[in-house]
Amino acid sequence: MTAALVLNPATVQELVDSLDAEFAVQLMDAFLKDSPHLLEDIRQGLRHDDAELVRRAAHTLKSNSLTFGLEQLAPRCQDLEHLAAGGGLGDAESLARSVEACYAPARQAVQAARADLSQGRPSP
């Protein structure tokens, strides 16, 4: 996956336009710091059959992903959130693997957009 397919540059530009580049960079920093913990919460929730922990972590990761237009990651998080909201984790392992597979390219795309914004270049 390339960054263009992973992160919607129009969404990032809307974020910059509605806030400013400096604040958008701060939000990106928060995403980069917090998202690994959310993935770990999903893993922990699956290990301990804690659907509520999985639901909350997937919901937060989805919301954060939508902020940056992470178009591959957000819908997978939403699917996992909806499954866990039903109280069961039947297919959650495969959905969690899908979330994990989309996360690395999403993280790289956010890092690239962050670098561009912090150096005064337009978003990708």
PDB file of N, CA and C in Angstrom:
ATOM      1  N   MET A   1       0.835  -1.181   0.000  1.00  0.00           N
ATOM      2  CA  MET A   1       0.000   0.000   0.000  1.00  0.00           C
ATOM      3  C   MET A   1       0.877   1.240   0.000  1.00  0.00           C
ATOM      4  N   THR A   2       0.526   2.202  -0.786  1.00  0.00           N
ATOM      5  CA  THR A   2       1.253   3.462  -0.784  1.00  0.00           C
ATOM      6  C   THR A   2       0.555   4.443   0.143  1.00  0.00           C
ATOM      7  N   ALA A   3       1.264   5.486   0.521  1.00  0.00           N
ATOM      8  CA  ALA A   3       0.689   6.475   1.431  1.00  0.00           C
ATOM      9  C   ALA A   3      -0.572   7.093   0.837  1.00  0.00           C
ATOM     10  N   ALA A   4      -0.601   7.310  -0.476  1.00  0.00           N
ATOM     11  CA  ALA A   4      -1.768   7.928  -1.110  1.00  0.00           C
ATOM     12  C   ALA A   4      -3.013   7.057  -0.953  1.00  0.00           C
ATOM     13  N   LEU A   5      -2.859   5.756  -0.930  1.00  0.00           N
ATOM     14  CA  LEU A   5      -3.998   4.864  -0.774  1.00  0.00           C
ATOM     15  C   LEU A   5      -4.382   4.680   0.686  1.00  0.00           C
ATOM     16  N   VAL A   6      -3.481   4.994   1.587  1.00  0.00           N
ATOM     17  CA  VAL A   6      -3.689   4.758   3.003  1.00  0.00           C
ATOM     18  C   VAL A   6      -4.262   5.986   3.699  1.00  0.00           C
ATOM     19  N   LEU A   7      -3.738   7.148   3.366  1.00  0.00           N
ATOM     20  CA  LEU A   7      -4.119   8.402   4.008  1.00  0.00           C
ATOM     21  C   LEU A   7      -4.711   9.329   2.954  1.00  0.00           C
ATOM     22  N   ASN A   8      -5.881   9.862   3.251  1.00  0.00           N
ATOM     23  CA  ASN A   8      -6.535  10.777   2.316  1.00  0.00           C
ATOM     24  C   ASN A   8      -5.960  12.177   2.525  1.00  0.00           C
ATOM     25  N   PRO A   9      -5.190  12.691   1.564  1.00  0.00           N
ATOM     26  CA  PRO A   9      -4.564  13.999   1.751  1.00  0.00           C
ATOM     27  C   PRO A   9      -5.578  15.130   1.899  1.00  0.00           C
ATOM     28  N   ALA A  10      -6.752  14.992   1.307  1.00  0.00           N
ATOM     29  CA  ALA A  10      -7.781  16.032   1.445  1.00  0.00           C
ATOM     30  C   ALA A  10      -8.246  16.132   2.895  1.00  0.00           C
ATOM     31  N   THR A  11      -8.331  15.010   3.581  1.00  0.00           N
ATOM     32  CA  THR A  11      -8.737  15.016   4.991  1.00  0.00           C
ATOM     33  C   THR A  11      -7.687  15.723   5.835  1.00  0.00           C
ATOM     34  N   VAL A  12      -6.423  15.444   5.562  1.00  0.00           N
ATOM     35  CA  VAL A  12      -5.345  16.113   6.294  1.00  0.00           C
ATOM     36  C   VAL A  12      -5.382  17.608   6.015  1.00  0.00           C
ATOM     37  N   GLN A  13      -5.600  17.980   4.774  1.00  0.00           N
ATOM     38  CA  GLN A  13      -5.654  19.400   4.436  1.00  0.00           C
ATOM     39  C   GLN A  13      -6.831  20.088   5.126  1.00  0.00           C
ATOM     40  N   GLU A  14      -7.973  19.410   5.204  1.00  0.00           N
ATOM     41  CA  GLU A  14      -9.118  19.967   5.918  1.00  0.00           C
ATOM     42  C   GLU A  14      -8.789  20.171   7.388  1.00  0.00           C
ATOM     43  N   LEU A  15      -8.058  19.233   7.962  1.00  0.00           N
ATOM     44  CA  LEU A  15      -7.634  19.342   9.359  1.00  0.00           C
ATOM     45  C   LEU A  15      -6.733  20.562   9.540  1.00  0.00           C
ATOM     46  N   VAL A  16      -5.778  20.725   8.657  1.00  0.00           N
ATOM     47  CA  VAL A  16      -4.865  21.864   8.716  1.00  0.00           C
ATOM     48  C   VAL A  16      -5.639  23.169   8.527  1.00  0.00           C
ATOM     49  N   ASP A  17      -6.553  23.188   7.565  1.00  0.00           N
ATOM     50  CA  ASP A  17      -7.333  24.397   7.291  1.00  0.00           C
ATOM     51  C   ASP A  17      -8.237  24.776   8.460  1.00  0.00           C
ATOM     52  N   SER A  18      -8.811  23.785   9.122  1.00  0.00           N
ATOM     53  CA  SER A  18      -9.744  24.083  10.208  1.00  0.00           C
ATOM     54  C   SER A  18      -9.028  24.397  11.520  1.00  0.00           C
ATOM     55  N   LEU A  19      -7.822  23.913  11.681  1.00  0.00           N
ATOM     56  CA  LEU A  19      -7.035  24.176  12.885  1.00  0.00           C
ATOM     57  C   LEU A  19      -5.842  25.021  12.460  1.00  0.00           C
ATOM     58  N   ASP A  20      -4.709  24.396  12.379  1.00  0.00           N
ATOM     59  CA  ASP A  20      -3.504  24.947  11.760  1.00  0.00           C
ATOM     60  C   ASP A  20      -2.497  23.821  11.708  1.00  0.00           C
ATOM     61  N   ALA A  21      -1.425  24.015  10.976  1.00  0.00           N
ATOM     62  CA  ALA A  21      -0.454  22.938  10.766  1.00  0.00           C
ATOM     63  C   ALA A  21       0.179  22.496  12.080  1.00  0.00           C
ATOM     64  N   GLU A  22       0.477  23.456  12.954  1.00  0.00           N
ATOM     65  CA  GLU A  22       1.133  23.114  14.221  1.00  0.00           C
ATOM     66  C   GLU A  22       0.245  22.215  15.075  1.00  0.00           C
ATOM     67  N   PHE A  23      -1.048  22.554  15.163  1.00  0.00           N
ATOM     68  CA  PHE A  23      -1.961  21.733  15.948  1.00  0.00           C
ATOM     69  C   PHE A  23      -2.173  20.374  15.280  1.00  0.00           C
ATOM     70  N   ALA A  24      -2.239  20.342  13.961  1.00  0.00           N
ATOM     71  CA  ALA A  24      -2.368  19.070  13.246  1.00  0.00           C
ATOM     72  C   ALA A  24      -1.168  18.176  13.550  1.00  0.00           C
ATOM     73  N   VAL A  25       0.022  18.759  13.604  1.00  0.00           N
ATOM     74  CA  VAL A  25       1.232  17.987  13.951  1.00  0.00           C
ATOM     75  C   VAL A  25       1.101  17.433  15.368  1.00  0.00           C
ATOM     76  N   GLN A  26       0.572  18.237  16.287  1.00  0.00           N
ATOM     77  CA  GLN A  26       0.386  17.761  17.663  1.00  0.00           C
ATOM     78  C   GLN A  26      -0.592  16.586  17.708  1.00  0.00           C
ATOM     79  N   LEU A  27      -1.660  16.665  16.915  1.00  0.00           N
ATOM     80  CA  LEU A  27      -2.613  15.552  16.853  1.00  0.00           C
ATOM     81  C   LEU A  27      -1.955  14.306  16.276  1.00  0.00           C
ATOM     82  N   MET A  28      -1.126  14.500  15.270  1.00  0.00           N
ATOM     83  CA  MET A  28      -0.405  13.371  14.679  1.00  0.00           C
ATOM     84  C   MET A  28       0.548  12.756  15.694  1.00  0.00           C
ATOM     85  N   ASP A  29       1.223  13.600  16.455  1.00  0.00           N
ATOM     86  CA  ASP A  29       2.114  13.091  17.505  1.00  0.00           C
ATOM     87  C   ASP A  29       1.338  12.253  18.518  1.00  0.00           C
ATOM     88  N   ALA A  30       0.157  12.732  18.897  1.00  0.00           N
ATOM     89  CA  ALA A  30      -0.677  11.984  19.843  1.00  0.00           C
ATOM     90  C   ALA A  30      -1.083  10.639  19.246  1.00  0.00           C
ATOM     91  N   PHE A  31      -1.457  10.627  17.975  1.00  0.00           N
ATOM     92  CA  PHE A  31      -1.817   9.375  17.312  1.00  0.00           C
ATOM     93  C   PHE A  31      -0.629   8.412  17.327  1.00  0.00           C
ATOM     94  N   LEU A  32       0.536   8.910  16.964  1.00  0.00           N
ATOM     95  CA  LEU A  32       1.726   8.063  16.899  1.00  0.00           C
ATOM     96  C   LEU A  32       2.111   7.524  18.272  1.00  0.00           C
ATOM     97  N   LYS A  33       1.848   8.297  19.308  1.00  0.00           N
ATOM     98  CA  LYS A  33       2.164   7.863  20.671  1.00  0.00           C
ATOM     99  C   LYS A  33       1.115   6.888  21.211  1.00  0.00           C
ATOM    100  N   ASP A  34      -0.159   7.193  20.970  1.00  0.00           N
ATOM    101  CA  ASP A  34      -1.245   6.439  21.594  1.00  0.00           C
ATOM    102  C   ASP A  34      -1.659   5.177  20.850  1.00  0.00           C
ATOM    103  N   SER A  35      -1.526   5.177  19.540  1.00  0.00           N
ATOM    104  CA  SER A  35      -2.055   4.050  18.768  1.00  0.00           C
ATOM    105  C   SER A  35      -1.418   2.705  19.120  1.00  0.00           C
ATOM    106  N   PRO A  36      -0.119   2.625  19.403  1.00  0.00           N
ATOM    107  CA  PRO A  36       0.411   1.303  19.798  1.00  0.00           C
ATOM    108  C   PRO A  36      -0.247   0.772  21.075  1.00  0.00           C
ATOM    109  N   HIS A  37      -0.598   1.669  21.993  1.00  0.00           N
ATOM    110  CA  HIS A  37      -1.270   1.252  23.222  1.00  0.00           C
ATOM    111  C   HIS A  37      -2.679   0.744  22.934  1.00  0.00           C
ATOM    112  N   LEU A  38      -3.338   1.365  21.960  1.00  0.00           N
ATOM    113  CA  LEU A  38      -4.677   0.910  21.581  1.00  0.00           C
ATOM    114  C   LEU A  38      -4.619  -0.485  20.955  1.00  0.00           C
ATOM    115  N   LEU A  39      -3.604  -0.715  20.132  1.00  0.00           N
ATOM    116  CA  LEU A  39      -3.428  -2.057  19.560  1.00  0.00           C
ATOM    117  C   LEU A  39      -3.168  -3.075  20.657  1.00  0.00           C
ATOM    118  N   GLU A  40      -2.379  -2.693  21.637  1.00  0.00           N
ATOM    119  CA  GLU A  40      -2.110  -3.602  22.761  1.00  0.00           C
ATOM    120  C   GLU A  40      -3.386  -3.861  23.554  1.00  0.00           C
ATOM    121  N   ASP A  41      -4.219  -2.842  23.728  1.00  0.00           N
ATOM    122  CA  ASP A  41      -5.500  -3.055  24.415  1.00  0.00           C
ATOM    123  C   ASP A  41      -6.373  -4.047  23.650  1.00  0.00           C
ATOM    124  N   ILE A  42      -6.367  -3.954  22.334  1.00  0.00           N
ATOM    125  CA  ILE A  42      -7.122  -4.919  21.528  1.00  0.00           C
ATOM    126  C   ILE A  42      -6.581  -6.323  21.774  1.00  0.00           C
ATOM    127  N   ARG A  43      -5.271  -6.474  21.741  1.00  0.00           N
ATOM    128  CA  ARG A  43      -4.661  -7.789  21.983  1.00  0.00           C
ATOM    129  C   ARG A  43      -5.022  -8.311  23.377  1.00  0.00           C
ATOM    130  N   GLN A  44      -4.903  -7.427  24.382  1.00  0.00           N
ATOM    131  CA  GLN A  44      -5.229  -7.825  25.757  1.00  0.00           C
ATOM    132  C   GLN A  44      -6.702  -8.227  25.883  1.00  0.00           C
ATOM    133  N   GLY A  45      -7.554  -7.445  25.255  1.00  0.00           N
ATOM    134  CA  GLY A  45      -8.981  -7.763  25.297  1.00  0.00           C
ATOM    135  C   GLY A  45      -9.282  -9.122  24.682  1.00  0.00           C
ATOM    136  N   LEU A  46      -8.611  -9.431  23.589  1.00  0.00           N
ATOM    137  CA  LEU A  46      -8.812 -10.737  22.958  1.00  0.00           C
ATOM    138  C   LEU A  46      -8.277 -11.850  23.843  1.00  0.00           C
ATOM    139  N   ARG A  47      -7.098 -11.631  24.428  1.00  0.00           N
ATOM    140  CA  ARG A  47      -6.514 -12.662  25.313  1.00  0.00           C
ATOM    141  C   ARG A  47      -7.401 -12.950  26.518  1.00  0.00           C
ATOM    142  N   HIS A  48      -8.054 -11.917  27.023  1.00  0.00           N
ATOM    143  CA  HIS A  48      -8.845 -12.064  28.250  1.00  0.00           C
ATOM    144  C   HIS A  48     -10.344 -12.110  27.989  1.00  0.00           C
ATOM    145  N   ASP A  49     -10.714 -12.246  26.716  1.00  0.00           N
ATOM    146  CA  ASP A  49     -12.126 -12.307  26.320  1.00  0.00           C
ATOM    147  C   ASP A  49     -12.907 -11.122  26.885  1.00  0.00           C
ATOM    148  N   ASP A  50     -12.302  -9.934  26.757  1.00  0.00           N
ATOM    149  CA  ASP A  50     -12.889  -8.699  27.269  1.00  0.00           C
ATOM    150  C   ASP A  50     -13.396  -7.872  26.084  1.00  0.00           C
ATOM    151  N   ALA A  51     -14.637  -8.124  25.710  1.00  0.00           N
ATOM    152  CA  ALA A  51     -15.214  -7.461  24.537  1.00  0.00           C
ATOM    153  C   ALA A  51     -15.275  -5.948  24.723  1.00  0.00           C
ATOM    154  N   GLU A  52     -15.508  -5.488  25.938  1.00  0.00           N
ATOM    155  CA  GLU A  52     -15.609  -4.044  26.173  1.00  0.00           C
ATOM    156  C   GLU A  52     -14.259  -3.359  25.959  1.00  0.00           C
ATOM    157  N   LEU A  53     -13.184  -3.967  26.384  1.00  0.00           N
ATOM    158  CA  LEU A  53     -11.856  -3.399  26.163  1.00  0.00           C
ATOM    159  C   LEU A  53     -11.548  -3.343  24.663  1.00  0.00           C
ATOM    160  N   VAL A  54     -11.876  -4.411  23.958  1.00  0.00           N
ATOM    161  CA  VAL A  54     -11.679  -4.435  22.508  1.00  0.00           C
ATOM    162  C   VAL A  54     -12.528  -3.354  21.854  1.00  0.00           C
ATOM    163  N   ARG A  55     -13.785  -3.235  22.252  1.00  0.00           N
ATOM    164  CA  ARG A  55     -14.680  -2.238  21.673  1.00  0.00           C
ATOM    165  C   ARG A  55     -14.147  -0.822  21.875  1.00  0.00           C
ATOM    166  N   ARG A  56     -13.759  -0.497  23.106  1.00  0.00           N
ATOM    167  CA  ARG A  56     -13.262   0.858  23.397  1.00  0.00           C
ATOM    168  C   ARG A  56     -11.996   1.165  22.609  1.00  0.00           C
ATOM    169  N   ALA A  57     -11.057   0.234  22.583  1.00  0.00           N
ATOM    170  CA  ALA A  57      -9.799   0.467  21.870  1.00  0.00           C
ATOM    171  C   ALA A  57     -10.044   0.597  20.367  1.00  0.00           C
ATOM    172  N   ALA A  58     -10.887  -0.268  19.819  1.00  0.00           N
ATOM    173  CA  ALA A  58     -11.189  -0.207  18.388  1.00  0.00           C
ATOM    174  C   ALA A  58     -11.922   1.093  18.054  1.00  0.00           C
ATOM    175  N   HIS A  59     -12.825   1.519  18.928  1.00  0.00           N
ATOM    176  CA  HIS A  59     -13.556   2.766  18.711  1.00  0.00           C
ATOM    177  C   HIS A  59     -12.595   3.958  18.693  1.00  0.00           C
ATOM    178  N   THR A  60     -11.706   4.020  19.651  1.00  0.00           N
ATOM    179  CA  THR A  60     -10.764   5.143  19.729  1.00  0.00           C
ATOM    180  C   THR A  60      -9.818   5.144  18.541  1.00  0.00           C
ATOM    181  N   LEU A  61      -9.312   3.974  18.172  1.00  0.00           N
ATOM    182  CA  LEU A  61      -8.414   3.888  17.025  1.00  0.00           C
ATOM    183  C   LEU A  61      -9.146   4.259  15.739  1.00  0.00           C
ATOM    184  N   LYS A  62     -10.416   3.861  15.629  1.00  0.00           N
ATOM    185  CA  LYS A  62     -11.228   4.238  14.466  1.00  0.00           C
ATOM    186  C   LYS A  62     -11.396   5.752  14.400  1.00  0.00           C
ATOM    187  N   SER A  63     -11.779   6.345  15.510  1.00  0.00           N
ATOM    188  CA  SER A  63     -11.991   7.796  15.543  1.00  0.00           C
ATOM    189  C   SER A  63     -10.716   8.551  15.192  1.00  0.00           C
ATOM    190  N   ASN A  64      -9.609   8.127  15.754  1.00  0.00           N
ATOM    191  CA  ASN A  64      -8.329   8.768  15.454  1.00  0.00           C
ATOM    192  C   ASN A  64      -7.959   8.574  13.989  1.00  0.00           C
ATOM    193  N   SER A  65      -8.244   7.421  13.456  1.00  0.00           N
ATOM    194  CA  SER A  65      -7.940   7.132  12.053  1.00  0.00           C
ATOM    195  C   SER A  65      -8.770   8.010  11.121  1.00  0.00           C
ATOM    196  N   LEU A  66     -10.020   8.221  11.470  1.00  0.00           N
ATOM    197  CA  LEU A  66     -10.881   9.074  10.656  1.00  0.00           C
ATOM    198  C   LEU A  66     -10.389  10.519  10.646  1.00  0.00           C
ATOM    199  N   THR A  67      -9.791  10.955  11.724  1.00  0.00           N
ATOM    200  CA  THR A  67      -9.256  12.317  11.810  1.00  0.00           C
ATOM    201  C   THR A  67      -8.259  12.590  10.694  1.00  0.00           C
ATOM    202  N   PHE A  68      -7.474  11.567  10.350  1.00  0.00           N
ATOM    203  CA  PHE A  68      -6.425  11.736   9.341  1.00  0.00           C
ATOM    204  C   PHE A  68      -6.783  11.109   7.995  1.00  0.00           C
ATOM    205  N   GLY A  69      -7.994  10.592   7.872  1.00  0.00           N
ATOM    206  CA  GLY A  69      -8.390   9.994   6.605  1.00  0.00           C
ATOM    207  C   GLY A  69      -7.656   8.699   6.320  1.00  0.00           C
ATOM    208  N   LEU A  70      -7.430   7.913   7.357  1.00  0.00           N
ATOM    209  CA  LEU A  70      -6.770   6.613   7.178  1.00  0.00           C
ATOM    210  C   LEU A  70      -7.821   5.620   6.691  1.00  0.00           C
ATOM    211  N   GLU A  71      -7.965   5.583   5.393  1.00  0.00           N
ATOM    212  CA  GLU A  71      -9.111   4.927   4.768  1.00  0.00           C
ATOM    213  C   GLU A  71      -9.050   3.407   4.751  1.00  0.00           C
ATOM    214  N   GLN A  72      -7.931   2.828   5.052  1.00  0.00           N
ATOM    215  CA  GLN A  72      -7.862   1.370   5.166  1.00  0.00           C
ATOM    216  C   GLN A  72      -8.073   0.944   6.622  1.00  0.00           C
ATOM    217  N   LEU A  73      -7.482   1.695   7.533  1.00  0.00           N
ATOM    218  CA  LEU A  73      -7.516   1.331   8.951  1.00  0.00           C
ATOM    219  C   LEU A  73      -8.877   1.595   9.593  1.00  0.00           C
ATOM    220  N   ALA A  74      -9.463   2.747   9.339  1.00  0.00           N
ATOM    221  CA  ALA A  74     -10.704   3.133  10.019  1.00  0.00           C
ATOM    222  C   ALA A  74     -11.839   2.124   9.848  1.00  0.00           C
ATOM    223  N   PRO A  75     -12.128   1.659   8.624  1.00  0.00           N
ATOM    224  CA  PRO A  75     -13.259   0.720   8.499  1.00  0.00           C
ATOM    225  C   PRO A  75     -13.006  -0.629   9.175  1.00  0.00           C
ATOM    226  N   ARG A  76     -11.765  -1.055   9.210  1.00  0.00           N
ATOM    227  CA  ARG A  76     -11.465  -2.319   9.894  1.00  0.00           C
ATOM    228  C   ARG A  76     -11.647  -2.167  11.404  1.00  0.00           C
ATOM    229  N   CYS A  77     -11.247  -1.017  11.924  1.00  0.00           N
ATOM    230  CA  CYS A  77     -11.483  -0.741  13.342  1.00  0.00           C
ATOM    231  C   CYS A  77     -12.975  -0.692  13.627  1.00  0.00           C
ATOM    232  N   GLN A  78     -13.727  -0.089  12.730  1.00  0.00           N
ATOM    233  CA  GLN A  78     -15.172  -0.002  12.911  1.00  0.00           C
ATOM    234  C   GLN A  78     -15.799  -1.394  12.921  1.00  0.00           C
ATOM    235  N   ASP A  79     -15.366  -2.255  12.026  1.00  0.00           N
ATOM    236  CA  ASP A  79     -15.891  -3.627  12.009  1.00  0.00           C
ATOM    237  C   ASP A  79     -15.602  -4.330  13.334  1.00  0.00           C
ATOM    238  N   LEU A  80     -14.388  -4.164  13.846  1.00  0.00           N
ATOM    239  CA  LEU A  80     -14.011  -4.790  15.110  1.00  0.00           C
ATOM    240  C   LEU A  80     -14.818  -4.188  16.256  1.00  0.00           C
ATOM    241  N   GLU A  81     -14.990  -2.885  16.233  1.00  0.00           N
ATOM    242  CA  GLU A  81     -15.788  -2.205  17.264  1.00  0.00           C
ATOM    243  C   GLU A  81     -17.209  -2.758  17.280  1.00  0.00           C
ATOM    244  N   HIS A  82     -17.833  -2.872  16.113  1.00  0.00           N
ATOM    245  CA  HIS A  82     -19.213  -3.354  16.039  1.00  0.00           C
ATOM    246  C   HIS A  82     -19.330  -4.799  16.513  1.00  0.00           C
ATOM    247  N   LEU A  83     -18.367  -5.618  16.141  1.00  0.00           N
ATOM    248  CA  LEU A  83     -18.388  -7.004  16.601  1.00  0.00           C
ATOM    249  C   LEU A  83     -18.312  -7.062  18.125  1.00  0.00           C
ATOM    250  N   ALA A  84     -17.365  -6.325  18.692  1.00  0.00           N
ATOM    251  CA  ALA A  84     -17.180  -6.345  20.143  1.00  0.00           C
ATOM    252  C   ALA A  84     -18.366  -5.715  20.868  1.00  0.00           C
ATOM    253  N   ALA A  85     -19.005  -4.728  20.253  1.00  0.00           N
ATOM    254  CA  ALA A  85     -20.168  -4.088  20.875  1.00  0.00           C
ATOM    255  C   ALA A  85     -21.305  -5.081  21.064  1.00  0.00           C
ATOM    256  N   GLY A  86     -21.336  -6.108  20.223  1.00  0.00           N
ATOM    257  CA  GLY A  86     -22.344  -7.147  20.359  1.00  0.00           C
ATOM    258  C   GLY A  86     -22.066  -8.088  21.519  1.00  0.00           C
ATOM    259  N   GLY A  87     -20.921  -7.898  22.166  1.00  0.00           N
ATOM    260  CA  GLY A  87     -20.589  -8.696  23.340  1.00  0.00           C
ATOM    261  C   GLY A  87     -19.813  -9.957  23.046  1.00  0.00           C
ATOM    262  N   GLY A  88     -19.712 -10.329  21.772  1.00  0.00           N
ATOM    263  CA  GLY A  88     -18.978 -11.532  21.435  1.00  0.00           C
ATOM    264  C   GLY A  88     -17.717 -11.208  20.672  1.00  0.00           C
ATOM    265  N   LEU A  89     -16.787 -12.111  20.707  1.00  0.00           N
ATOM    266  CA  LEU A  89     -15.522 -11.902  20.007  1.00  0.00           C
ATOM    267  C   LEU A  89     -15.254 -13.032  19.018  1.00  0.00           C
ATOM    268  N   GLY A  90     -16.323 -13.628  18.488  1.00  0.00           N
ATOM    269  CA  GLY A  90     -16.202 -14.776  17.597  1.00  0.00           C
ATOM    270  C   GLY A  90     -15.197 -14.624  16.472  1.00  0.00           C
ATOM    271  N   ASP A  91     -15.365 -13.638  15.613  1.00  0.00           N
ATOM    272  CA  ASP A  91     -14.451 -13.428  14.490  1.00  0.00           C
ATOM    273  C   ASP A  91     -13.439 -12.330  14.774  1.00  0.00           C
ATOM    274  N   ALA A  92     -13.297 -11.970  16.034  1.00  0.00           N
ATOM    275  CA  ALA A  92     -12.458 -10.826  16.381  1.00  0.00           C
ATOM    276  C   ALA A  92     -10.985 -11.058  16.066  1.00  0.00           C
ATOM    277  N   GLU A  93     -10.509 -12.275  16.169  1.00  0.00           N
ATOM    278  CA  GLU A  93      -9.086 -12.549  15.887  1.00  0.00           C
ATOM    279  C   GLU A  93      -8.741 -12.158  14.457  1.00  0.00           C
ATOM    280  N   SER A  94      -9.565 -12.562  13.500  1.00  0.00           N
ATOM    281  CA  SER A  94      -9.264 -12.239  12.106  1.00  0.00           C
ATOM    282  C   SER A  94      -9.405 -10.742  11.852  1.00  0.00           C
ATOM    283  N   LEU A  95     -10.393 -10.099  12.465  1.00  0.00           N
ATOM    284  CA  LEU A  95     -10.537  -8.651  12.317  1.00  0.00           C
ATOM    285  C   LEU A  95      -9.359  -7.922  12.951  1.00  0.00           C
ATOM    286  N   ALA A  96      -8.921  -8.400  14.102  1.00  0.00           N
ATOM    287  CA  ALA A  96      -7.769  -7.778  14.766  1.00  0.00           C
ATOM    288  C   ALA A  96      -6.515  -7.924  13.913  1.00  0.00           C
ATOM    289  N   ARG A  97      -6.344  -9.059  13.266  1.00  0.00           N
ATOM    290  CA  ARG A  97      -5.193  -9.237  12.357  1.00  0.00           C
ATOM    291  C   ARG A  97      -5.275  -8.263  11.192  1.00  0.00           C
ATOM    292  N   SER A  98      -6.479  -8.030  10.701  1.00  0.00           N
ATOM    293  CA  SER A  98      -6.677  -7.080   9.619  1.00  0.00           C
ATOM    294  C   SER A  98      -6.348  -5.656  10.072  1.00  0.00           C
ATOM    295  N   VAL A  99      -6.760  -5.304  11.279  1.00  0.00           N
ATOM    296  CA  VAL A  99      -6.420  -3.995  11.850  1.00  0.00           C
ATOM    297  C   VAL A  99      -4.904  -3.863  11.946  1.00  0.00           C
ATOM    298  N   GLU A 100      -4.258  -4.881  12.469  1.00  0.00           N
ATOM    299  CA  GLU A 100      -2.794  -4.852  12.631  1.00  0.00           C
ATOM    300  C   GLU A 100      -2.104  -4.720  11.272  1.00  0.00           C
ATOM    301  N   ALA A 101      -2.609  -5.411  10.269  1.00  0.00           N
ATOM    302  CA  ALA A 101      -1.992  -5.353   8.940  1.00  0.00           C
ATOM    303  C   ALA A 101      -2.111  -3.958   8.333  1.00  0.00           C
ATOM    304  N   CYS A 102      -3.189  -3.273   8.611  1.00  0.00           N
ATOM    305  CA  CYS A 102      -3.380  -1.920   8.075  1.00  0.00           C
ATOM    306  C   CYS A 102      -2.660  -0.863   8.895  1.00  0.00           C
ATOM    307  N   TYR A 103      -2.307  -1.201  10.121  1.00  0.00           N
ATOM    308  CA  TYR A 103      -1.737  -0.199  11.012  1.00  0.00           C
ATOM    309  C   TYR A 103      -0.348   0.278  10.568  1.00  0.00           C
ATOM    310  N   ALA A 104       0.549  -0.622  10.212  1.00  0.00           N
ATOM    311  CA  ALA A 104       1.920  -0.205   9.865  1.00  0.00           C
ATOM    312  C   ALA A 104       1.937   0.798   8.715  1.00  0.00           C
ATOM    313  N   PRO A 105       1.253   0.541   7.598  1.00  0.00           N
ATOM    314  CA  PRO A 105       1.250   1.545   6.535  1.00  0.00           C
ATOM    315  C   PRO A 105       0.541   2.839   6.954  1.00  0.00           C
ATOM    316  N   ALA A 106      -0.481   2.725   7.803  1.00  0.00           N
ATOM    317  CA  ALA A 106      -1.171   3.923   8.277  1.00  0.00           C
ATOM    318  C   ALA A 106      -0.227   4.762   9.130  1.00  0.00           C
ATOM    319  N   ARG A 107       0.517   4.113   9.996  1.00  0.00           N
ATOM    320  CA  ARG A 107       1.484   4.818  10.844  1.00  0.00           C
ATOM    321  C   ARG A 107       2.532   5.513   9.977  1.00  0.00           C
ATOM    322  N   GLN A 108       3.038   4.814   8.981  1.00  0.00           N
ATOM    323  CA  GLN A 108       4.035   5.403   8.084  1.00  0.00           C
ATOM    324  C   GLN A 108       3.462   6.612   7.344  1.00  0.00           C
ATOM    325  N   ALA A 109       2.210   6.519   6.933  1.00  0.00           N
ATOM    326  CA  ALA A 109       1.570   7.627   6.217  1.00  0.00           C
ATOM    327  C   ALA A 109       1.412   8.842   7.124  1.00  0.00           C
ATOM    328  N   VAL A 110       1.038   8.615   8.379  1.00  0.00           N
ATOM    329  CA  VAL A 110       0.910   9.723   9.327  1.00  0.00           C
ATOM    330  C   VAL A 110       2.282  10.334   9.597  1.00  0.00           C
ATOM    331  N   GLN A 111       3.300   9.490   9.750  1.00  0.00           N
ATOM    332  CA  GLN A 111       4.653  10.009   9.966  1.00  0.00           C
ATOM    333  C   GLN A 111       5.104  10.871   8.784  1.00  0.00           C
ATOM    334  N   ALA A 112       4.814  10.438   7.570  1.00  0.00           N
ATOM    335  CA  ALA A 112       5.206  11.198   6.383  1.00  0.00           C
ATOM    336  C   ALA A 112       4.448  12.524   6.316  1.00  0.00           C
ATOM    337  N   ALA A 113       3.149  12.491   6.598  1.00  0.00           N
ATOM    338  CA  ALA A 113       2.355  13.725   6.584  1.00  0.00           C
ATOM    339  C   ALA A 113       2.834  14.673   7.671  1.00  0.00           C
ATOM    340  N   ARG A 114       3.169  14.116   8.825  1.00  0.00           N
ATOM    341  CA  ARG A 114       3.676  14.925   9.928  1.00  0.00           C
ATOM    342  C   ARG A 114       4.984  15.597   9.535  1.00  0.00           C
ATOM    343  N   ALA A 115       5.881  14.841   8.927  1.00  0.00           N
ATOM    344  CA  ALA A 115       7.167  15.397   8.495  1.00  0.00           C
ATOM    345  C   ALA A 115       6.951  16.527   7.491  1.00  0.00           C
ATOM    346  N   ASP A 116       6.050  16.325   6.546  1.00  0.00           N
ATOM    347  CA  ASP A 116       5.755  17.360   5.552  1.00  0.00           C
ATOM    348  C   ASP A 116       5.227  18.626   6.222  1.00  0.00           C
ATOM    349  N   LEU A 117       4.264  18.454   7.144  1.00  0.00           N
ATOM    350  CA  LEU A 117       3.687  19.621   7.791  1.00  0.00           C
ATOM    351  C   LEU A 117       4.685  20.346   8.689  1.00  0.00           C
ATOM    352  N   SER A 118       5.507  19.594   9.399  1.00  0.00           N
ATOM    353  CA  SER A 118       6.453  20.230  10.308  1.00  0.00           C
ATOM    354  C   SER A 118       7.570  20.941   9.544  1.00  0.00           C
ATOM    355  N   GLN A 119       7.766  20.563   8.274  1.00  0.00           N
ATOM    356  CA  GLN A 119       8.775  21.233   7.448  1.00  0.00           C
ATOM    357  C   GLN A 119       8.158  22.282   6.526  1.00  0.00           C
ATOM    358  N   GLY A 120       6.868  22.540   6.742  1.00  0.00           N
ATOM    359  CA  GLY A 120       6.197  23.580   5.986  1.00  0.00           C
ATOM    360  C   GLY A 120       5.764  23.181   4.594  1.00  0.00           C
ATOM    361  N   ARG A 121       5.852  21.898   4.287  1.00  0.00           N
ATOM    362  CA  ARG A 121       5.376  21.433   2.977  1.00  0.00           C
ATOM    363  C   ARG A 121       3.904  21.102   3.073  1.00  0.00           C
ATOM    364  N   PRO A 122       3.186  21.186   1.966  1.00  0.00           N
ATOM    365  CA  PRO A 122       1.771  20.800   1.989  1.00  0.00           C
ATOM    366  C   PRO A 122       1.641  19.307   2.278  1.00  0.00           C
ATOM    367  N   SER A 123       0.479  18.936   2.782  1.00  0.00           N
ATOM    368  CA  SER A 123       0.242  17.519   3.091  1.00  0.00           C
ATOM    369  C   SER A 123       0.295  16.704   1.811  1.00  0.00           C
ATOM    370  N   PRO A 124       0.574  15.379   1.951  1.00  0.00           N
ATOM    371  CA  PRO A 124       0.734  14.524   0.769  1.00  0.00           C
ATOM    372  C   PRO A 124      -0.500  14.461  -0.092  1.00  0.00           C
TER     373      PRO A 124
END
